[in-house]
C-alpha atoms as a PDB file:
ATOM      1  CA  UNK A   1     -10.697  -4.280  14.265  1.00  0.00           C
ATOM      2  CA  UNK A   2      -9.887  -0.398  15.250  1.00  0.00           C
ATOM      3  CA  UNK A   3     -13.288   1.654  16.821  1.00  0.00           C
ATOM      4  CA  UNK A   4     -15.075   2.508  13.663  1.00  0.00           C
ATOM      5  CA  UNK A   5     -16.554   5.911  13.685  1.00  0.00           C
ATOM      6  CA  UNK A   6     -20.373   5.729  14.403  1.00  0.00           C
ATOM      7  CA  UNK A   7     -23.091   7.995  13.090  1.00  0.00           C
ATOM      8  CA  UNK A   8     -23.164   8.033   9.128  1.00  0.00           C
ATOM      9  CA  UNK A   9     -21.813   5.799   6.617  1.00  0.00           C
ATOM     10  CA  UNK A  10     -19.178   5.902   3.720  1.00  0.00           C
ATOM     11  CA  UNK A  11     -20.776   3.933   0.622  1.00  0.00           C
ATOM     12  CA  UNK A  12     -18.405   2.298  -1.541  1.00  0.00           C
ATOM     13  CA  UNK A  13     -19.155   0.683  -5.134  1.00  0.00           C
ATOM     14  CA  UNK A  14     -16.296  -1.330  -6.626  1.00  0.00           C
ATOM     15  CA  UNK A  15     -15.620  -2.667  -9.908  1.00  0.00           C
ATOM     16  CA  UNK A  16     -12.775  -4.436 -11.947  1.00  0.00           C
ATOM     17  CA  UNK A  17     -11.996  -5.031 -15.715  1.00  0.00           C
ATOM     18  CA  UNK A  18     -10.059  -7.367 -17.566  1.00  0.00           C
ATOM     19  CA  UNK A  19      -9.374  -7.456 -21.525  1.00  0.00           C
ATOM     20  CA  UNK A  20      -8.811 -10.565 -22.564  1.00  0.00           C
ATOM     21  CA  UNK A  21      -8.597 -12.146 -18.892  1.00  0.00           C
ATOM     22  CA  UNK A  22      -5.683 -12.842 -18.312  1.00  0.00           C
ATOM     23  CA  UNK A  23      -5.084  -9.046 -19.747  1.00  0.00           C
ATOM     24  CA  UNK A  24      -4.537  -5.762 -19.241  1.00  0.00           C
ATOM     25  CA  UNK A  25      -6.893  -4.528 -16.353  1.00  0.00           C
ATOM     26  CA  UNK A  26      -8.211  -2.055 -14.538  1.00  0.00           C
ATOM     27  CA  UNK A  27     -10.335  -0.865 -11.739  1.00  0.00           C
ATOM     28  CA  UNK A  28     -12.569   1.504 -10.162  1.00  0.00           C
ATOM     29  CA  UNK A  29     -14.488   3.000  -7.031  1.00  0.00           C
ATOM     30  CA  UNK A  30     -17.273   5.653  -6.173  1.00  0.00           C
ATOM     31  CA  UNK A  31     -16.795   6.385  -2.656  1.00  0.00           C
ATOM     32  CA  UNK A  32     -19.677   8.903  -0.976  1.00  0.00           C
ATOM     33  CA  UNK A  33     -19.811  10.117   2.902  1.00  0.00           C
ATOM     34  CA  UNK A  34     -22.605  12.987   3.430  1.00  0.00           C
ATOM     35  CA  UNK A  35     -21.892  15.610   0.694  1.00  0.00           C
ATOM     36  CA  UNK A  36     -18.613  14.326  -0.097  1.00  0.00           C
ATOM     37  CA  UNK A  37     -17.979  11.854  -3.091  1.00  0.00           C
ATOM     38  CA  UNK A  38     -14.796  10.840  -4.768  1.00  0.00           C
ATOM     39  CA  UNK A  39     -14.235   8.741  -7.668  1.00  0.00           C
ATOM     40  CA  UNK A  40     -11.115   6.558  -7.652  1.00  0.00           C
ATOM     41  CA  UNK A  41      -9.309   4.660 -10.525  1.00  0.00           C
ATOM     42  CA  UNK A  42      -6.228   2.557 -11.619  1.00  0.00           C
ATOM     43  CA  UNK A  43      -4.849   0.084 -13.774  1.00  0.00           C
ATOM     44  CA  UNK A  44      -2.281  -2.961 -14.497  1.00  0.00           C
ATOM     45  CA  UNK A  45      -0.633  -3.113 -17.652  1.00  0.00           C
ATOM     46  CA  UNK A  46       0.452  -6.392 -17.474  1.00  0.00           C
ATOM     47  CA  UNK A  47      -1.479  -9.347 -17.824  1.00  0.00           C
ATOM     48  CA  UNK A  48      -3.648  -9.424 -14.632  1.00  0.00           C
ATOM     49  CA  UNK A  49      -7.371 -11.061 -14.238  1.00  0.00           C
ATOM     50  CA  UNK A  50     -11.044  -9.789 -13.989  1.00  0.00           C
ATOM     51  CA  UNK A  51     -10.899 -11.140 -10.080  1.00  0.00           C
ATOM     52  CA  UNK A  52      -7.569  -9.253  -9.205  1.00  0.00           C
ATOM     53  CA  UNK A  53      -8.897  -6.106 -10.707  1.00  0.00           C
ATOM     54  CA  UNK A  54     -12.529  -6.805  -8.720  1.00  0.00           C
ATOM     55  CA  UNK A  55     -10.011  -7.360  -5.285  1.00  0.00           C
ATOM     56  CA  UNK A  56      -7.754  -4.436  -5.994  1.00  0.00           C
ATOM     57  CA  UNK A  57     -11.182  -2.275  -6.325  1.00  0.00           C
ATOM     58  CA  UNK A  58     -11.841  -2.855  -3.085  1.00  0.00           C
ATOM     59  CA  UNK A  59      -8.970  -2.647  -1.313  1.00  0.00           C
ATOM     60  CA  UNK A  60      -7.589   0.587  -2.481  1.00  0.00           C
ATOM     61  CA  UNK A  61     -10.760   1.843  -2.051  1.00  0.00           C
ATOM     62  CA  UNK A  62     -10.527   0.893   1.851  1.00  0.00           C
ATOM     63  CA  UNK A  63      -7.043   1.648   2.076  1.00  0.00           C
ATOM     64  CA  UNK A  64      -7.935   5.381   0.702  1.00  0.00           C
ATOM     65  CA  UNK A  65      -9.760   6.313   3.760  1.00  0.00           C
ATOM     66  CA  UNK A  66      -8.877   8.273   6.537  1.00  0.00           C
ATOM     67  CA  UNK A  67     -10.126   6.927   9.573  1.00  0.00           C
ATOM     68  CA  UNK A  68     -12.068   3.972  10.990  1.00  0.00           C
ATOM     69  CA  UNK A  69     -15.549   4.227  10.066  1.00  0.00           C
ATOM     70  CA  UNK A  70     -18.521   2.105   9.070  1.00  0.00           C
ATOM     71  CA  UNK A  71     -18.981   0.948   5.515  1.00  0.00           C
ATOM     72  CA  UNK A  72     -21.268  -0.561   2.992  1.00  0.00           C
ATOM     73  CA  UNK A  73     -19.611  -2.000   0.446  1.00  0.00           C
ATOM     74  CA  UNK A  74     -21.233  -2.719  -2.996  1.00  0.00           C
ATOM     75  CA  UNK A  75     -19.874  -5.045  -5.842  1.00  0.00           C
ATOM     76  CA  UNK A  76     -21.232  -7.156  -8.259  1.00  0.00           C
ATOM     77  CA  UNK A  77     -18.406  -9.545  -7.981  1.00  0.00           C
ATOM     78  CA  UNK A  78     -19.624 -12.519  -6.251  1.00  0.00           C
ATOM     79  CA  UNK A  79     -16.385 -13.823  -5.886  1.00  0.00           C
ATOM     80  CA  UNK A  80     -15.320 -11.217  -3.717  1.00  0.00           C
ATOM     81  CA  UNK A  81     -18.567 -11.082  -1.405  1.00  0.00           C
ATOM     82  CA  UNK A  82     -18.544 -14.716  -0.948  1.00  0.00           C
ATOM     83  CA  UNK A  83     -14.998 -15.179  -0.412  1.00  0.00           C
ATOM     84  CA  UNK A  84     -14.665 -12.197   2.229  1.00  0.00           C
ATOM     85  CA  UNK A  85     -18.028 -13.109   4.036  1.00  0.00           C
ATOM     86  CA  UNK A  86     -17.486 -16.924   3.475  1.00  0.00           C
ATOM     87  CA  UNK A  87     -14.612 -18.386   2.388  1.00  0.00           C
ATOM     88  CA  UNK A  88     -11.584 -16.651   3.912  1.00  0.00           C
ATOM     89  CA  UNK A  89     -11.797 -17.814   7.078  1.00  0.00           C
ATOM     90  CA  UNK A  90     -11.764 -21.437   6.057  1.00  0.00           C
ATOM     91  CA  UNK A  91      -8.829 -20.436   3.617  1.00  0.00           C
ATOM     92  CA  UNK A  92      -7.053 -19.077   6.822  1.00  0.00           C
ATOM     93  CA  UNK A  93      -7.688 -22.529   8.707  1.00  0.00           C
ATOM     94  CA  UNK A  94      -6.765 -24.480   6.103  1.00  0.00           C
ATOM     95  CA  UNK A  95      -3.088 -23.087   5.666  1.00  0.00           C
ATOM     96  CA  UNK A  96      -4.675 -21.139   2.786  1.00  0.00           C
ATOM     97  CA  UNK A  97      -5.716 -24.130   0.646  1.00  0.00           C
ATOM     98  CA  UNK A  98      -8.988 -24.471  -0.826  1.00  0.00           C
ATOM     99  CA  UNK A  99     -11.498 -27.453   0.426  1.00  0.00           C
ATOM    100  CA  UNK A 100      -9.832 -29.583  -2.765  1.00  0.00           C
ATOM    101  CA  UNK A 101      -6.329 -28.788  -1.301  1.00  0.00           C
ATOM    102  CA  UNK A 102      -5.473 -26.632  -4.038  1.00  0.00           C
ATOM    103  CA  UNK A 103      -4.001 -23.253  -3.276  1.00  0.00           C
ATOM    104  CA  UNK A 104      -6.089 -20.399  -2.653  1.00  0.00           C
ATOM    105  CA  UNK A 105      -6.088 -18.000  -6.090  1.00  0.00           C
ATOM    106  CA  UNK A 106      -5.107 -14.576  -5.117  1.00  0.00           C
ATOM    107  CA  UNK A 107      -4.227 -15.249  -2.035  1.00  0.00           C
ATOM    108  CA  UNK A 108      -2.157 -12.382  -1.901  1.00  0.00           C
ATOM    109  CA  UNK A 109      -4.950  -9.998  -2.501  1.00  0.00           C
ATOM    110  CA  UNK A 110      -7.486 -11.641   0.165  1.00  0.00           C
ATOM    111  CA  UNK A 111      -4.783 -11.320   2.936  1.00  0.00           C
ATOM    112  CA  UNK A 112      -4.429  -7.507   1.886  1.00  0.00           C
ATOM    113  CA  UNK A 113      -7.878  -7.303   1.347  1.00  0.00           C
ATOM    114  CA  UNK A 114      -8.466  -8.858   5.286  1.00  0.00           C
ATOM    115  CA  UNK A 115      -6.195  -6.342   6.254  1.00  0.00           C
ATOM    116  CA  UNK A 116      -7.753  -3.494   4.512  1.00  0.00           C
ATOM    117  CA  UNK A 117     -11.236  -4.403   6.699  1.00  0.00           C
ATOM    118  CA  UNK A 118      -9.391  -4.719  10.179  1.00  0.00           C
ATOM    119  CA  UNK A 119      -9.821  -0.875  10.864  1.00  0.00           C
ATOM    120  CA  UNK A 120     -13.214  -0.693   9.625  1.00  0.00           C
ATOM    121  CA  UNK A 121     -17.005  -1.824   9.870  1.00  0.00           C
ATOM    122  CA  UNK A 122     -17.633  -3.189   6.714  1.00  0.00           C
ATOM    123  CA  UNK A 123     -20.665  -4.826   5.390  1.00  0.00           C
ATOM    124  CA  UNK A 124     -20.473  -6.346   1.856  1.00  0.00           C
ATOM    125  CA  UNK A 125     -23.440  -6.022  -0.268  1.00  0.00           C
ATOM    126  CA  UNK A 126     -23.786  -7.582  -3.463  1.00  0.00           C
ATOM    127  CA  UNK A 127     -25.439  -5.654  -6.595  1.00  0.00           C
ATOM    128  CA  UNK A 128     -26.126  -6.875 -10.301  1.00  0.00           C
ATOM    129  CA  UNK A 129     -23.738  -5.817 -12.784  1.00  0.00           C
ATOM    130  CA  UNK A 130     -24.385  -3.873 -15.852  1.00  0.00           C
ATOM    131  CA  UNK A 131     -28.410  -3.581 -14.393  1.00  0.00           C
ATOM    132  CA  UNK A 132     -28.545   0.223 -14.676  1.00  0.00           C
ATOM    133  CA  UNK A 133     -27.346   0.930 -11.422  1.00  0.00           C
ATOM    134  CA  UNK A 134     -25.735   4.530 -11.494  1.00  0.00           C
ATOM    135  CA  UNK A 135     -22.937   4.001  -9.047  1.00  0.00           C
ATOM    136  CA  UNK A 136     -22.220   0.177 -10.370  1.00  0.00           C
ATOM    137  CA  UNK A 137     -22.034   1.899 -13.942  1.00  0.00           C
ATOM    138  CA  UNK A 138     -19.714   4.525 -12.675  1.00  0.00           C
ATOM    139  CA  UNK A 139     -17.505   2.080 -10.957  1.00  0.00           C
ATOM    140  CA  UNK A 140     -17.662   0.014 -13.805  1.00  0.00           C
ATOM    141  CA  UNK A 141     -16.690   3.007 -16.131  1.00  0.00           C
ATOM    142  CA  UNK A 142     -13.878   4.097 -14.054  1.00  0.00           C
ATOM    143  CA  UNK A 143     -12.402   0.299 -13.774  1.00  0.00           C
ATOM    144  CA  UNK A 144     -12.147   0.625 -18.099  1.00  0.00           C
ATOM    145  CA  UNK A 145     -10.652   3.891 -17.882  1.00  0.00           C
ATOM    146  CA  UNK A 146      -8.287   2.739 -15.557  1.00  0.00           C
ATOM    147  CA  UNK A 147      -7.756  -0.301 -17.878  1.00  0.00           C
ATOM    148  CA  UNK A 148      -7.128   1.821 -21.030  1.00  0.00           C
ATOM    149  CA  UNK A 149      -5.096   4.219 -19.917  1.00  0.00           C
ATOM    150  CA  UNK A 150      -2.908   1.104 -18.092  1.00  0.00           C
ATOM    151  CA  UNK A 151      -2.863  -0.385 -21.566  1.00  0.00           C
ATOM    152  CA  UNK A 152      -1.926   2.988 -23.338  1.00  0.00           C
ATOM    153  CA  UNK A 153       0.733   3.555 -20.676  1.00  0.00           C
ATOM    154  CA  UNK A 154      -1.040   7.032 -19.997  1.00  0.00           C
ATOM    155  CA  UNK A 155      -1.548   6.630 -16.246  1.00  0.00           C
ATOM    156  CA  UNK A 156       1.732   5.218 -14.011  1.00  0.00           C
ATOM    157  CA  UNK A 157      -0.638   5.443 -10.294  1.00  0.00           C
ATOM    158  CA  UNK A 158      -3.729   5.664  -9.528  1.00  0.00           C
ATOM    159  CA  UNK A 159      -5.453   8.694  -9.154  1.00  0.00           C
ATOM    160  CA  UNK A 160      -8.643  10.072  -7.429  1.00  0.00           C
ATOM    161  CA  UNK A 161     -11.197  12.589  -9.342  1.00  0.00           C
ATOM    162  CA  UNK A 162     -14.238  14.842  -7.835  1.00  0.00           C
ATOM    163  CA  UNK A 163     -17.501  13.889  -8.954  1.00  0.00           C
ATOM    164  CA  UNK A 164     -16.917  16.213 -12.301  1.00  0.00           C
ATOM    165  CA  UNK A 165     -14.050  13.989 -13.101  1.00  0.00           C
ATOM    166  CA  UNK A 166     -11.449  16.202 -12.777  1.00  0.00           C
ATOM    167  CA  UNK A 167      -8.178  15.121 -10.978  1.00  0.00           C
ATOM    168  CA  UNK A 168      -7.542  16.603  -7.261  1.00  0.00           C
ATOM    169  CA  UNK A 169      -4.185  17.459  -6.592  1.00  0.00           C
ATOM    170  CA  UNK A 170      -2.292  15.142  -3.941  1.00  0.00           C
ATOM    171  CA  UNK A 171      -2.929  15.345  -0.172  1.00  0.00           C
ATOM    172  CA  UNK A 172      -2.633  13.391   3.040  1.00  0.00           C
ATOM    173  CA  UNK A 173      -6.820  13.689   3.367  1.00  0.00           C
ATOM    174  CA  UNK A 174     -10.097  15.317   3.498  1.00  0.00           C
ATOM    175  CA  UNK A 175      -9.608  18.793   4.763  1.00  0.00           C
ATOM    176  CA  UNK A 176     -12.971  18.929   6.448  1.00  0.00           C
ATOM    177  CA  UNK A 177     -12.854  15.801   8.404  1.00  0.00           C
ATOM    178  CA  UNK A 178     -14.329  13.615   5.974  1.00  0.00           C
ATOM    179  CA  UNK A 179     -13.075  10.042   6.055  1.00  0.00           C
ATOM    180  CA  UNK A 180     -13.278  10.208   2.149  1.00  0.00           C
ATOM    181  CA  UNK A 181     -10.041  11.156   0.756  1.00  0.00           C
ATOM    182  CA  UNK A 182      -9.386  14.223  -1.473  1.00  0.00           C
ATOM    183  CA  UNK A 183      -7.234  12.122  -3.228  1.00  0.00           C
ATOM    184  CA  UNK A 184      -5.741   8.842  -3.613  1.00  0.00           C
ATOM    185  CA  UNK A 185      -2.114   7.465  -2.501  1.00  0.00           C
ATOM    186  CA  UNK A 186       0.386   7.102  -5.153  1.00  0.00           C
ATOM    187  CA  UNK A 187       2.252   4.005  -3.557  1.00  0.00           C
END
């Protein structure tokens, strides 16, 4: 892991959504650092699963940070939290096989998540979904928006919005030193 910036912590809330499971899916994230806050969302029109969208939300949020930092990532997915904090090392030791000797589902995304975590000092926190937690509810709404837009073909790439919900212009990061991006990468 790269040396993470000490001091303030980036708080991230993520969520994934899927219609049909498998079906069109979306992901959303809320990032907060000091007085900076951004919302990210995106989706896939091709059949995907809720678990893949949950993983994608965490990956995209971590990848969007402009430098190594300390992160507190809140997810309502026990699959993501348990996988990254407990199962991942066993899967790697077992050649990406489960304890039942079956291939790990979503191994491509688990590997991408591990790589995204490598530059940061990440603490994984579980939050109960659909329980009135404001940031989790916002991440859920963003994931559903990403899914709806992907299904209708409106959004071709992930995007970032300021808290007001208005899309920001594309840039390489925050102009004021915040690790929270002004915009998301469209790659």
